[in-house]
């Protein structure tokens, strides 16, 4: 069992307890609900229920139970997961599609932490055992550069950098059609979809979300865009471009054309974490790491550029 103290910031004020803790601790809302029912979630010594609204400055104490078998880190080599930069303080991996950042309820596939454990890579012990060293995440269906802390100092510094939005997160995406203007900012709040538990949507009362983009190349039916995330909401790029009626190619969850996806050979959204830029947690020097396109995305881009679809 581990004990976490969560301090609620202004941006989360007014949200439901289960939503905030699920996002901050990287667990499901149902797991938080069970912790509340078991009396594991306290504010000033008083038990909280899942639907309580949090306030700025709240100090929430959470007794996280030992992970069940389904949450244990299982060392398992992952085909196609490369190392982009191996530093004594952190490691930047090239995460393939179909790999989760860490174990979570309902996920039985491979994980980044499991692959690192299988490779004998030392990672920080901060955080819950199944999320040790994890300072940010990529969706299972998104590939690309992801940094994992090796030391406690690096964990603290990198978590703070992501929280304060000083990390330069650069994504490349192929979106349907041609966004106009060709360069711009999507500033629209994102919240959990009211009718679909695992989807998100642009909606009034959602969390502040900003996506900066630039069209790099237009192919007619689709465009290659570069995206810089100012905020890091779940599914942010996918939701924002879907709201513009330019969903990521292959992203059937958010309204992509299944015919185009089939023609491009896509079984997931065309979305790739292309670059990460951050301050080295020990030396203070700038670090920038780039991940090339994996085979499935490179093929789809080639098909578009050569007019095969």
C-alpha atoms as a PDB file:
ATOM      1  CA  UNK A   1       0.000   0.000   0.000  1.00  0.00           C
ATOM      2  CA  UNK A   2       1.198   3.516  -0.750  1.00  0.00           C
ATOM      3  CA  UNK A   3      -0.095   6.866   0.448  1.00  0.00           C
ATOM      4  CA  UNK A   4      -0.409   9.793  -1.956  1.00  0.00           C
ATOM      5  CA  UNK A   5      -1.260  13.382  -1.057  1.00  0.00           C
ATOM      6  CA  UNK A   6      -2.846  15.296  -3.908  1.00  0.00           C
ATOM      7  CA  UNK A   7      -3.039  19.093  -3.769  1.00  0.00           C
ATOM      8  CA  UNK A   8      -5.835  20.433  -5.968  1.00  0.00           C
ATOM      9  CA  UNK A   9      -4.887  23.347  -8.187  1.00  0.00           C
ATOM     10  CA  UNK A  10      -7.126  26.098  -9.512  1.00  0.00           C
ATOM     11  CA  UNK A  11      -7.641  24.418 -12.883  1.00  0.00           C
ATOM     12  CA  UNK A  12      -9.314  21.392 -11.257  1.00  0.00           C
ATOM     13  CA  UNK A  13     -11.505  23.309  -8.798  1.00  0.00           C
ATOM     14  CA  UNK A  14     -15.163  22.360  -9.027  1.00  0.00           C
ATOM     15  CA  UNK A  15     -14.597  19.022 -10.742  1.00  0.00           C
ATOM     16  CA  UNK A  16     -15.782  15.679  -9.397  1.00  0.00           C
ATOM     17  CA  UNK A  17     -13.365  13.902  -7.107  1.00  0.00           C
ATOM     18  CA  UNK A  18     -13.370  10.643  -9.086  1.00  0.00           C
ATOM     19  CA  UNK A  19     -12.606  12.443 -12.352  1.00  0.00           C
ATOM     20  CA  UNK A  20      -9.706  14.442 -10.905  1.00  0.00           C
ATOM     21  CA  UNK A  21      -8.069  11.552  -9.033  1.00  0.00           C
ATOM     22  CA  UNK A  22      -8.464   9.181 -11.976  1.00  0.00           C
ATOM     23  CA  UNK A  23      -6.648  11.618 -14.230  1.00  0.00           C
ATOM     24  CA  UNK A  24      -3.910  12.572 -11.754  1.00  0.00           C
ATOM     25  CA  UNK A  25      -3.221   9.028 -10.549  1.00  0.00           C
ATOM     26  CA  UNK A  26      -3.659   7.289 -13.892  1.00  0.00           C
ATOM     27  CA  UNK A  27      -6.398   4.898 -12.753  1.00  0.00           C
ATOM     28  CA  UNK A  28     -10.025   4.324 -13.696  1.00  0.00           C
ATOM     29  CA  UNK A  29     -12.883   6.273 -12.135  1.00  0.00           C
ATOM     30  CA  UNK A  30     -14.341   2.983 -10.928  1.00  0.00           C
ATOM     31  CA  UNK A  31     -11.111   2.291  -9.014  1.00  0.00           C
ATOM     32  CA  UNK A  32     -11.363   5.701  -7.303  1.00  0.00           C
ATOM     33  CA  UNK A  33     -15.031   5.026  -6.501  1.00  0.00           C
ATOM     34  CA  UNK A  34     -14.049   1.779  -4.803  1.00  0.00           C
ATOM     35  CA  UNK A  35     -11.299   3.517  -2.803  1.00  0.00           C
ATOM     36  CA  UNK A  36     -13.863   6.079  -1.635  1.00  0.00           C
ATOM     37  CA  UNK A  37     -16.261   3.321  -0.611  1.00  0.00           C
ATOM     38  CA  UNK A  38     -13.435   1.655   1.328  1.00  0.00           C
ATOM     39  CA  UNK A  39     -12.626   4.901   3.171  1.00  0.00           C
ATOM     40  CA  UNK A  40      -9.240   5.320   1.514  1.00  0.00           C
ATOM     41  CA  UNK A  41      -9.814   8.904   0.307  1.00  0.00           C
ATOM     42  CA  UNK A  42      -9.759  11.638   2.960  1.00  0.00           C
ATOM     43  CA  UNK A  43      -9.842  15.434   3.107  1.00  0.00           C
ATOM     44  CA  UNK A  44      -8.813  16.847   6.475  1.00  0.00           C
ATOM     45  CA  UNK A  45      -9.496  13.434   7.987  1.00  0.00           C
ATOM     46  CA  UNK A  46     -13.026  13.189   6.584  1.00  0.00           C
ATOM     47  CA  UNK A  47     -14.057  10.495   4.151  1.00  0.00           C
ATOM     48  CA  UNK A  48     -14.998  11.634   0.675  1.00  0.00           C
ATOM     49  CA  UNK A  49     -17.397  10.104  -1.825  1.00  0.00           C
ATOM     50  CA  UNK A  50     -16.742   9.869  -5.539  1.00  0.00           C
ATOM     51  CA  UNK A  51     -19.165  12.660  -6.487  1.00  0.00           C
ATOM     52  CA  UNK A  52     -17.739  15.263  -4.096  1.00  0.00           C
ATOM     53  CA  UNK A  53     -16.519  18.444  -5.776  1.00  0.00           C
ATOM     54  CA  UNK A  54     -12.922  19.431  -5.092  1.00  0.00           C
ATOM     55  CA  UNK A  55     -11.729  22.925  -4.205  1.00  0.00           C
ATOM     56  CA  UNK A  56      -8.521  24.750  -5.021  1.00  0.00           C
ATOM     57  CA  UNK A  57      -5.959  24.067  -2.293  1.00  0.00           C
ATOM     58  CA  UNK A  58      -7.649  20.878  -1.065  1.00  0.00           C
ATOM     59  CA  UNK A  59      -5.182  18.327   0.283  1.00  0.00           C
ATOM     60  CA  UNK A  60      -6.546  14.901  -0.579  1.00  0.00           C
ATOM     61  CA  UNK A  61      -4.955  11.885   1.113  1.00  0.00           C
ATOM     62  CA  UNK A  62      -5.304   8.653  -0.847  1.00  0.00           C
ATOM     63  CA  UNK A  63      -4.277   5.246   0.501  1.00  0.00           C
ATOM     64  CA  UNK A  64      -3.611   3.393  -2.732  1.00  0.00           C
ATOM     65  CA  UNK A  65      -4.021  -0.359  -2.230  1.00  0.00           C
ATOM     66  CA  UNK A  66      -1.348  -2.772  -3.349  1.00  0.00           C
ATOM     67  CA  UNK A  67      -1.892  -3.524  -7.021  1.00  0.00           C
ATOM     68  CA  UNK A  68      -3.886  -6.641  -7.731  1.00  0.00           C
ATOM     69  CA  UNK A  69      -2.494  -9.281 -10.078  1.00  0.00           C
ATOM     70  CA  UNK A  70      -3.970  -7.427 -13.041  1.00  0.00           C
ATOM     71  CA  UNK A  71      -2.057  -4.285 -12.067  1.00  0.00           C
ATOM     72  CA  UNK A  72       1.360  -5.775 -11.391  1.00  0.00           C
ATOM     73  CA  UNK A  73       4.221  -4.819 -13.658  1.00  0.00           C
ATOM     74  CA  UNK A  74       4.984  -7.921 -15.697  1.00  0.00           C
ATOM     75  CA  UNK A  75       8.426  -7.817 -17.335  1.00  0.00           C
ATOM     76  CA  UNK A  76       7.774  -8.441 -21.012  1.00  0.00           C
ATOM     77  CA  UNK A  77       9.870  -7.547 -24.039  1.00  0.00           C
ATOM     78  CA  UNK A  78       7.972  -5.483 -26.627  1.00  0.00           C
ATOM     79  CA  UNK A  79       8.733  -5.913 -30.298  1.00  0.00           C
ATOM     80  CA  UNK A  80       9.440  -2.618 -31.993  1.00  0.00           C
ATOM     81  CA  UNK A  81       9.995  -0.543 -28.848  1.00  0.00           C
ATOM     82  CA  UNK A  82      13.287   1.238 -29.321  1.00  0.00           C
ATOM     83  CA  UNK A  83      15.375   3.562 -27.164  1.00  0.00           C
ATOM     84  CA  UNK A  84      15.772   7.065 -28.570  1.00  0.00           C
ATOM     85  CA  UNK A  85      17.934   8.421 -25.729  1.00  0.00           C
ATOM     86  CA  UNK A  86      19.337   6.568 -22.733  1.00  0.00           C
ATOM     87  CA  UNK A  87      20.519   9.023 -20.079  1.00  0.00           C
ATOM     88  CA  UNK A  88      21.543   8.296 -16.490  1.00  0.00           C
ATOM     89  CA  UNK A  89      18.534  10.329 -15.291  1.00  0.00           C
ATOM     90  CA  UNK A  90      15.870   9.292 -17.820  1.00  0.00           C
ATOM     91  CA  UNK A  91      15.170   7.187 -20.870  1.00  0.00           C
ATOM     92  CA  UNK A  92      13.210   8.284 -23.949  1.00  0.00           C
ATOM     93  CA  UNK A  93      11.518   5.315 -25.601  1.00  0.00           C
ATOM     94  CA  UNK A  94      10.027   4.986 -29.065  1.00  0.00           C
ATOM     95  CA  UNK A  95       6.639   3.599 -28.056  1.00  0.00           C
ATOM     96  CA  UNK A  96       4.915   1.421 -30.647  1.00  0.00           C
ATOM     97  CA  UNK A  97       1.164   1.388 -31.216  1.00  0.00           C
ATOM     98  CA  UNK A  98      -0.687  -1.153 -29.073  1.00  0.00           C
ATOM     99  CA  UNK A  99       1.470  -0.579 -25.991  1.00  0.00           C
ATOM    100  CA  UNK A 100       0.180   1.145 -22.845  1.00  0.00           C
ATOM    101  CA  UNK A 101       2.367   3.345 -20.663  1.00  0.00           C
ATOM    102  CA  UNK A 102       1.690   1.237 -17.552  1.00  0.00           C
ATOM    103  CA  UNK A 103      -0.703  -1.442 -16.235  1.00  0.00           C
ATOM    104  CA  UNK A 104      -4.263  -0.278 -15.620  1.00  0.00           C
ATOM    105  CA  UNK A 105      -7.683  -1.837 -14.969  1.00  0.00           C
ATOM    106  CA  UNK A 106      -8.902  -3.782 -17.978  1.00  0.00           C
ATOM    107  CA  UNK A 107      -5.602  -3.653 -19.889  1.00  0.00           C
ATOM    108  CA  UNK A 108      -3.906  -7.018 -20.455  1.00  0.00           C
ATOM    109  CA  UNK A 109      -1.487  -6.036 -23.232  1.00  0.00           C
ATOM    110  CA  UNK A 110       2.174  -4.965 -23.148  1.00  0.00           C
ATOM    111  CA  UNK A 111       3.353  -1.848 -21.304  1.00  0.00           C
ATOM    112  CA  UNK A 112       6.309   0.514 -21.437  1.00  0.00           C
ATOM    113  CA  UNK A 113       7.223  -0.141 -17.800  1.00  0.00           C
ATOM    114  CA  UNK A 114       7.027  -3.892 -18.385  1.00  0.00           C
ATOM    115  CA  UNK A 115       9.325  -3.643 -21.403  1.00  0.00           C
ATOM    116  CA  UNK A 116      11.826  -1.530 -19.460  1.00  0.00           C
ATOM    117  CA  UNK A 117      11.731  -4.005 -16.581  1.00  0.00           C
ATOM    118  CA  UNK A 118      12.404  -6.870 -18.999  1.00  0.00           C
ATOM    119  CA  UNK A 119      15.383  -4.950 -20.384  1.00  0.00           C
ATOM    120  CA  UNK A 120      16.786  -4.452 -16.877  1.00  0.00           C
ATOM    121  CA  UNK A 121      16.396  -0.679 -17.078  1.00  0.00           C
ATOM    122  CA  UNK A 122      16.404   1.054 -13.692  1.00  0.00           C
ATOM    123  CA  UNK A 123      13.538   3.518 -13.296  1.00  0.00           C
ATOM    124  CA  UNK A 124      12.405   5.822 -10.490  1.00  0.00           C
ATOM    125  CA  UNK A 125      10.305   4.362  -7.703  1.00  0.00           C
ATOM    126  CA  UNK A 126       8.152   7.480  -7.195  1.00  0.00           C
ATOM    127  CA  UNK A 127       4.425   7.062  -7.734  1.00  0.00           C
ATOM    128  CA  UNK A 128       2.301   3.935  -7.432  1.00  0.00           C
ATOM    129  CA  UNK A 129       4.289   0.742  -8.101  1.00  0.00           C
ATOM    130  CA  UNK A 130       2.663   0.053 -11.468  1.00  0.00           C
ATOM    131  CA  UNK A 131       3.348   3.645 -12.615  1.00  0.00           C
ATOM    132  CA  UNK A 132       6.867   4.064 -11.238  1.00  0.00           C
ATOM    133  CA  UNK A 133       8.878   6.509 -13.316  1.00  0.00           C
ATOM    134  CA  UNK A 134       5.957   7.518 -15.532  1.00  0.00           C
ATOM    135  CA  UNK A 135       5.803  11.311 -15.898  1.00  0.00           C
ATOM    136  CA  UNK A 136       3.423  11.447 -18.894  1.00  0.00           C
ATOM    137  CA  UNK A 137       1.541   9.017 -21.104  1.00  0.00           C
ATOM    138  CA  UNK A 138       0.711   8.314 -24.721  1.00  0.00           C
ATOM    139  CA  UNK A 139      -2.543   6.619 -25.698  1.00  0.00           C
ATOM    140  CA  UNK A 140      -2.323   2.928 -26.570  1.00  0.00           C
ATOM    141  CA  UNK A 141      -3.209   3.857 -30.147  1.00  0.00           C
ATOM    142  CA  UNK A 142      -0.572   6.602 -30.425  1.00  0.00           C
ATOM    143  CA  UNK A 143       3.092   5.908 -31.197  1.00  0.00           C
ATOM    144  CA  UNK A 144       6.212   7.963 -30.649  1.00  0.00           C
ATOM    145  CA  UNK A 145       8.574   9.568 -28.148  1.00  0.00           C
ATOM    146  CA  UNK A 146       7.861   9.103 -24.439  1.00  0.00           C
ATOM    147  CA  UNK A 147      10.191   9.936 -21.550  1.00  0.00           C
ATOM    148  CA  UNK A 148      10.442   7.835 -18.365  1.00  0.00           C
ATOM    149  CA  UNK A 149      12.357   8.970 -15.264  1.00  0.00           C
ATOM    150  CA  UNK A 150      15.171   6.821 -13.905  1.00  0.00           C
ATOM    151  CA  UNK A 151      15.934   8.822 -10.742  1.00  0.00           C
ATOM    152  CA  UNK A 152      13.741  10.426  -8.118  1.00  0.00           C
ATOM    153  CA  UNK A 153      15.186  13.851  -8.921  1.00  0.00           C
ATOM    154  CA  UNK A 154      14.356  13.401 -12.587  1.00  0.00           C
ATOM    155  CA  UNK A 155      10.852  12.193 -11.728  1.00  0.00           C
ATOM    156  CA  UNK A 156      10.130  15.296  -9.655  1.00  0.00           C
ATOM    157  CA  UNK A 157      11.631  17.715 -12.193  1.00  0.00           C
ATOM    158  CA  UNK A 158       9.955  16.166 -15.235  1.00  0.00           C
ATOM    159  CA  UNK A 159       6.559  15.899 -13.531  1.00  0.00           C
ATOM    160  CA  UNK A 160       6.815  19.583 -12.679  1.00  0.00           C
ATOM    161  CA  UNK A 161       7.867  20.449 -16.240  1.00  0.00           C
ATOM    162  CA  UNK A 162       4.825  18.682 -17.688  1.00  0.00           C
ATOM    163  CA  UNK A 163       2.575  20.256 -15.065  1.00  0.00           C
ATOM    164  CA  UNK A 164       3.916  23.740 -15.814  1.00  0.00           C
ATOM    165  CA  UNK A 165       3.706  23.131 -19.592  1.00  0.00           C
ATOM    166  CA  UNK A 166       7.368  23.825 -20.261  1.00  0.00           C
ATOM    167  CA  UNK A 167       7.831  20.591 -22.223  1.00  0.00           C
ATOM    168  CA  UNK A 168       7.623  21.059 -25.998  1.00  0.00           C
ATOM    169  CA  UNK A 169       5.361  18.251 -27.202  1.00  0.00           C
ATOM    170  CA  UNK A 170       5.329  18.059 -31.002  1.00  0.00           C
ATOM    171  CA  UNK A 171       2.981  15.685 -32.790  1.00  0.00           C
ATOM    172  CA  UNK A 172       2.468  14.946 -36.451  1.00  0.00           C
ATOM    173  CA  UNK A 173      -1.011  13.976 -37.614  1.00  0.00           C
ATOM    174  CA  UNK A 174      -2.707  13.260 -40.905  1.00  0.00           C
ATOM    175  CA  UNK A 175      -6.180  14.783 -40.770  1.00  0.00           C
ATOM    176  CA  UNK A 176      -8.977  14.505 -43.286  1.00  0.00           C
ATOM    177  CA  UNK A 177      -9.451  17.413 -45.679  1.00  0.00           C
ATOM    178  CA  UNK A 178      -7.617  20.731 -45.394  1.00  0.00           C
ATOM    179  CA  UNK A 179      -7.867  22.732 -42.146  1.00  0.00           C
ATOM    180  CA  UNK A 180      -8.374  26.470 -42.611  1.00  0.00           C
ATOM    181  CA  UNK A 181      -6.569  28.602 -41.786  1.00  0.00           C
ATOM    182  CA  UNK A 182      -3.415  26.650 -42.614  1.00  0.00           C
ATOM    183  CA  UNK A 183      -1.872  27.751 -39.315  1.00  0.00           C
ATOM    184  CA  UNK A 184      -3.829  28.453 -36.175  1.00  0.00           C
ATOM    185  CA  UNK A 185      -4.825  27.630 -32.612  1.00  0.00           C
ATOM    186  CA  UNK A 186      -7.770  25.519 -31.524  1.00  0.00           C
ATOM    187  CA  UNK A 187      -8.885  26.943 -28.187  1.00  0.00           C
ATOM    188  CA  UNK A 188     -11.858  24.891 -27.015  1.00  0.00           C
ATOM    189  CA  UNK A 189     -12.621  23.245 -23.634  1.00  0.00           C
ATOM    190  CA  UNK A 190     -12.657  19.458 -23.493  1.00  0.00           C
ATOM    191  CA  UNK A 191     -14.701  17.292 -21.153  1.00  0.00           C
ATOM    192  CA  UNK A 192     -15.847  13.705 -20.867  1.00  0.00           C
ATOM    193  CA  UNK A 193     -18.504  12.890 -23.459  1.00  0.00           C
ATOM    194  CA  UNK A 194     -21.928  12.871 -21.752  1.00  0.00           C
ATOM    195  CA  UNK A 195     -23.081   9.722 -23.553  1.00  0.00           C
ATOM    196  CA  UNK A 196     -19.888   7.733 -24.196  1.00  0.00           C
ATOM    197  CA  UNK A 197     -17.713   6.925 -21.170  1.00  0.00           C
ATOM    198  CA  UNK A 198     -14.475   6.375 -23.097  1.00  0.00           C
ATOM    199  CA  UNK A 199     -14.808   9.398 -25.380  1.00  0.00           C
ATOM    200  CA  UNK A 200     -14.205  13.104 -24.884  1.00  0.00           C
ATOM    201  CA  UNK A 201     -15.720  16.129 -26.582  1.00  0.00           C
ATOM    202  CA  UNK A 202     -15.509  19.896 -26.923  1.00  0.00           C
ATOM    203  CA  UNK A 203     -18.114  21.085 -24.469  1.00  0.00           C
ATOM    204  CA  UNK A 204     -19.082  23.987 -22.279  1.00  0.00           C
ATOM    205  CA  UNK A 205     -17.657  23.595 -18.806  1.00  0.00           C
ATOM    206  CA  UNK A 206     -14.824  21.359 -20.011  1.00  0.00           C
ATOM    207  CA  UNK A 207     -11.163  21.848 -19.131  1.00  0.00           C
ATOM    208  CA  UNK A 208      -9.188  24.614 -20.791  1.00  0.00           C
ATOM    209  CA  UNK A 209      -7.505  23.100 -23.879  1.00  0.00           C
ATOM    210  CA  UNK A 210      -5.300  24.673 -26.565  1.00  0.00           C
ATOM    211  CA  UNK A 211      -3.799  23.056 -29.653  1.00  0.00           C
ATOM    212  CA  UNK A 212      -1.472  24.947 -32.033  1.00  0.00           C
ATOM    213  CA  UNK A 213      -1.132  23.536 -35.534  1.00  0.00           C
ATOM    214  CA  UNK A 214       0.404  24.167 -38.952  1.00  0.00           C
ATOM    215  CA  UNK A 215      -0.350  22.354 -42.204  1.00  0.00           C
ATOM    216  CA  UNK A 216       2.916  20.912 -43.543  1.00  0.00           C
ATOM    217  CA  UNK A 217       1.556  19.347 -46.721  1.00  0.00           C
ATOM    218  CA  UNK A 218      -1.875  19.061 -48.349  1.00  0.00           C
ATOM    219  CA  UNK A 219      -2.857  15.999 -50.384  1.00  0.00           C
ATOM    220  CA  UNK A 220      -6.471  16.801 -51.244  1.00  0.00           C
ATOM    221  CA  UNK A 221      -8.310  14.166 -49.258  1.00  0.00           C
ATOM    222  CA  UNK A 222      -6.053  14.665 -46.237  1.00  0.00           C
ATOM    223  CA  UNK A 223      -3.296  16.895 -44.851  1.00  0.00           C
ATOM    224  CA  UNK A 224      -0.151  16.374 -42.802  1.00  0.00           C
ATOM    225  CA  UNK A 225      -0.124  18.776 -39.857  1.00  0.00           C
ATOM    226  CA  UNK A 226       2.369  19.578 -37.125  1.00  0.00           C
ATOM    227  CA  UNK A 227       0.828  20.071 -33.708  1.00  0.00           C
ATOM    228  CA  UNK A 228       2.243  21.737 -30.593  1.00  0.00           C
ATOM    229  CA  UNK A 229       0.252  21.023 -27.452  1.00  0.00           C
ATOM    230  CA  UNK A 230      -0.054  23.841 -24.954  1.00  0.00           C
ATOM    231  CA  UNK A 231      -2.237  21.685 -22.698  1.00  0.00           C
ATOM    232  CA  UNK A 232      -2.303  17.910 -22.475  1.00  0.00           C
ATOM    233  CA  UNK A 233      -5.882  16.688 -22.155  1.00  0.00           C
ATOM    234  CA  UNK A 234      -6.870  13.121 -22.879  1.00  0.00           C
ATOM    235  CA  UNK A 235      -7.423  12.643 -26.641  1.00  0.00           C
ATOM    236  CA  UNK A 236      -6.882  16.405 -27.104  1.00  0.00           C
ATOM    237  CA  UNK A 237      -5.603  16.366 -30.700  1.00  0.00           C
ATOM    238  CA  UNK A 238      -8.190  13.822 -31.780  1.00  0.00           C
ATOM    239  CA  UNK A 239     -11.055  15.718 -30.163  1.00  0.00           C
ATOM    240  CA  UNK A 240     -10.013  19.154 -31.413  1.00  0.00           C
ATOM    241  CA  UNK A 241      -9.595  18.134 -35.051  1.00  0.00           C
ATOM    242  CA  UNK A 242     -12.797  16.115 -34.946  1.00  0.00           C
ATOM    243  CA  UNK A 243     -14.594  19.229 -33.696  1.00  0.00           C
ATOM    244  CA  UNK A 244     -13.239  21.085 -36.753  1.00  0.00           C
ATOM    245  CA  UNK A 245     -14.636  18.295 -38.978  1.00  0.00           C
ATOM    246  CA  UNK A 246     -11.091  17.240 -39.847  1.00  0.00           C
ATOM    247  CA  UNK A 247     -10.640  14.069 -37.767  1.00  0.00           C
ATOM    248  CA  UNK A 248      -7.354  12.193 -37.766  1.00  0.00           C
ATOM    249  CA  UNK A 249      -7.331   9.717 -40.634  1.00  0.00           C
ATOM    250  CA  UNK A 250      -8.184   6.262 -39.334  1.00  0.00           C
ATOM    251  CA  UNK A 251      -9.718   7.576 -36.090  1.00  0.00           C
ATOM    252  CA  UNK A 252     -13.099   5.869 -36.327  1.00  0.00           C
ATOM    253  CA  UNK A 253     -13.858   6.715 -32.686  1.00  0.00           C
ATOM    254  CA  UNK A 254     -13.950  10.413 -33.564  1.00  0.00           C
ATOM    255  CA  UNK A 255     -15.678  10.324 -36.931  1.00  0.00           C
ATOM    256  CA  UNK A 256     -13.006   9.423 -39.494  1.00  0.00           C
ATOM    257  CA  UNK A 257     -14.114   7.982 -42.837  1.00  0.00           C
ATOM    258  CA  UNK A 258     -13.672   4.183 -42.677  1.00  0.00           C
ATOM    259  CA  UNK A 259     -13.245   4.008 -46.459  1.00  0.00           C
ATOM    260  CA  UNK A 260     -10.217   6.303 -46.393  1.00  0.00           C
ATOM    261  CA  UNK A 261      -8.795   4.377 -43.449  1.00  0.00           C
ATOM    262  CA  UNK A 262      -9.089   1.129 -45.418  1.00  0.00           C
ATOM    263  CA  UNK A 263      -7.483   2.647 -48.516  1.00  0.00           C
ATOM    264  CA  UNK A 264      -4.561   3.889 -46.412  1.00  0.00           C
ATOM    265  CA  UNK A 265      -4.211   0.570 -44.598  1.00  0.00           C
ATOM    266  CA  UNK A 266      -4.830   2.238 -41.231  1.00  0.00           C
ATOM    267  CA  UNK A 267      -6.131   0.304 -38.239  1.00  0.00           C
ATOM    268  CA  UNK A 268      -5.645   3.266 -35.865  1.00  0.00           C
ATOM    269  CA  UNK A 269      -5.498   7.041 -35.965  1.00  0.00           C
ATOM    270  CA  UNK A 270      -2.630   8.639 -37.916  1.00  0.00           C
ATOM    271  CA  UNK A 271      -1.084  10.379 -34.922  1.00  0.00           C
ATOM    272  CA  UNK A 272       2.545  10.274 -33.838  1.00  0.00           C
ATOM    273  CA  UNK A 273       4.490  11.898 -30.973  1.00  0.00           C
ATOM    274  CA  UNK A 274       7.249  13.181 -33.247  1.00  0.00           C
ATOM    275  CA  UNK A 275       9.418  15.257 -30.875  1.00  0.00           C
ATOM    276  CA  UNK A 276       9.950  15.963 -27.190  1.00  0.00           C
ATOM    277  CA  UNK A 277      11.894  18.966 -25.968  1.00  0.00           C
ATOM    278  CA  UNK A 278      12.639  19.608 -22.294  1.00  0.00           C
ATOM    279  CA  UNK A 279      15.245  20.858 -19.850  1.00  0.00           C
ATOM    280  CA  UNK A 280      17.598  18.171 -18.575  1.00  0.00           C
ATOM    281  CA  UNK A 281      16.591  17.597 -14.921  1.00  0.00           C
ATOM    282  CA  UNK A 282      20.207  17.587 -13.705  1.00  0.00           C
ATOM    283  CA  UNK A 283      22.357  19.640 -16.093  1.00  0.00           C
ATOM    284  CA  UNK A 284      19.779  22.262 -17.125  1.00  0.00           C
ATOM    285  CA  UNK A 285      20.686  21.798 -20.791  1.00  0.00           C
ATOM    286  CA  UNK A 286      18.039  21.598 -23.489  1.00  0.00           C
ATOM    287  CA  UNK A 287      17.168  18.088 -24.660  1.00  0.00           C
ATOM    288  CA  UNK A 288      15.325  17.376 -27.918  1.00  0.00           C
ATOM    289  CA  UNK A 289      14.507  13.898 -29.171  1.00  0.00           C
ATOM    290  CA  UNK A 290      12.833  12.951 -32.465  1.00  0.00           C
ATOM    291  CA  UNK A 291      10.924   9.784 -33.358  1.00  0.00           C
ATOM    292  CA  UNK A 292      10.541   8.716 -36.992  1.00  0.00           C
ATOM    293  CA  UNK A 293       7.270   7.457 -38.419  1.00  0.00           C
ATOM    294  CA  UNK A 294       6.530   3.748 -37.902  1.00  0.00           C
ATOM    295  CA  UNK A 295       5.827   1.525 -40.911  1.00  0.00           C
ATOM    296  CA  UNK A 296       2.019   1.803 -40.929  1.00  0.00           C
ATOM    297  CA  UNK A 297       2.010   5.609 -40.778  1.00  0.00           C
ATOM    298  CA  UNK A 298       4.852   5.927 -43.296  1.00  0.00           C
ATOM    299  CA  UNK A 299       2.964   3.716 -45.766  1.00  0.00           C
ATOM    300  CA  UNK A 300      -0.231   5.756 -45.416  1.00  0.00           C
ATOM    301  CA  UNK A 301       1.692   9.005 -45.943  1.00  0.00           C
ATOM    302  CA  UNK A 302       3.423   7.568 -49.004  1.00  0.00           C
ATOM    303  CA  UNK A 303       0.081   6.500 -50.466  1.00  0.00           C
ATOM    304  CA  UNK A 304      -1.236  10.019 -50.063  1.00  0.00           C
ATOM    305  CA  UNK A 305       1.867  11.776 -51.403  1.00  0.00           C
ATOM    306  CA  UNK A 306       2.016   9.542 -54.488  1.00  0.00           C
ATOM    307  CA  UNK A 307      -1.678   9.905 -55.214  1.00  0.00           C
ATOM    308  CA  UNK A 308      -2.466   6.218 -54.688  1.00  0.00           C
ATOM    309  CA  UNK A 309      -5.720   7.058 -52.877  1.00  0.00           C
END
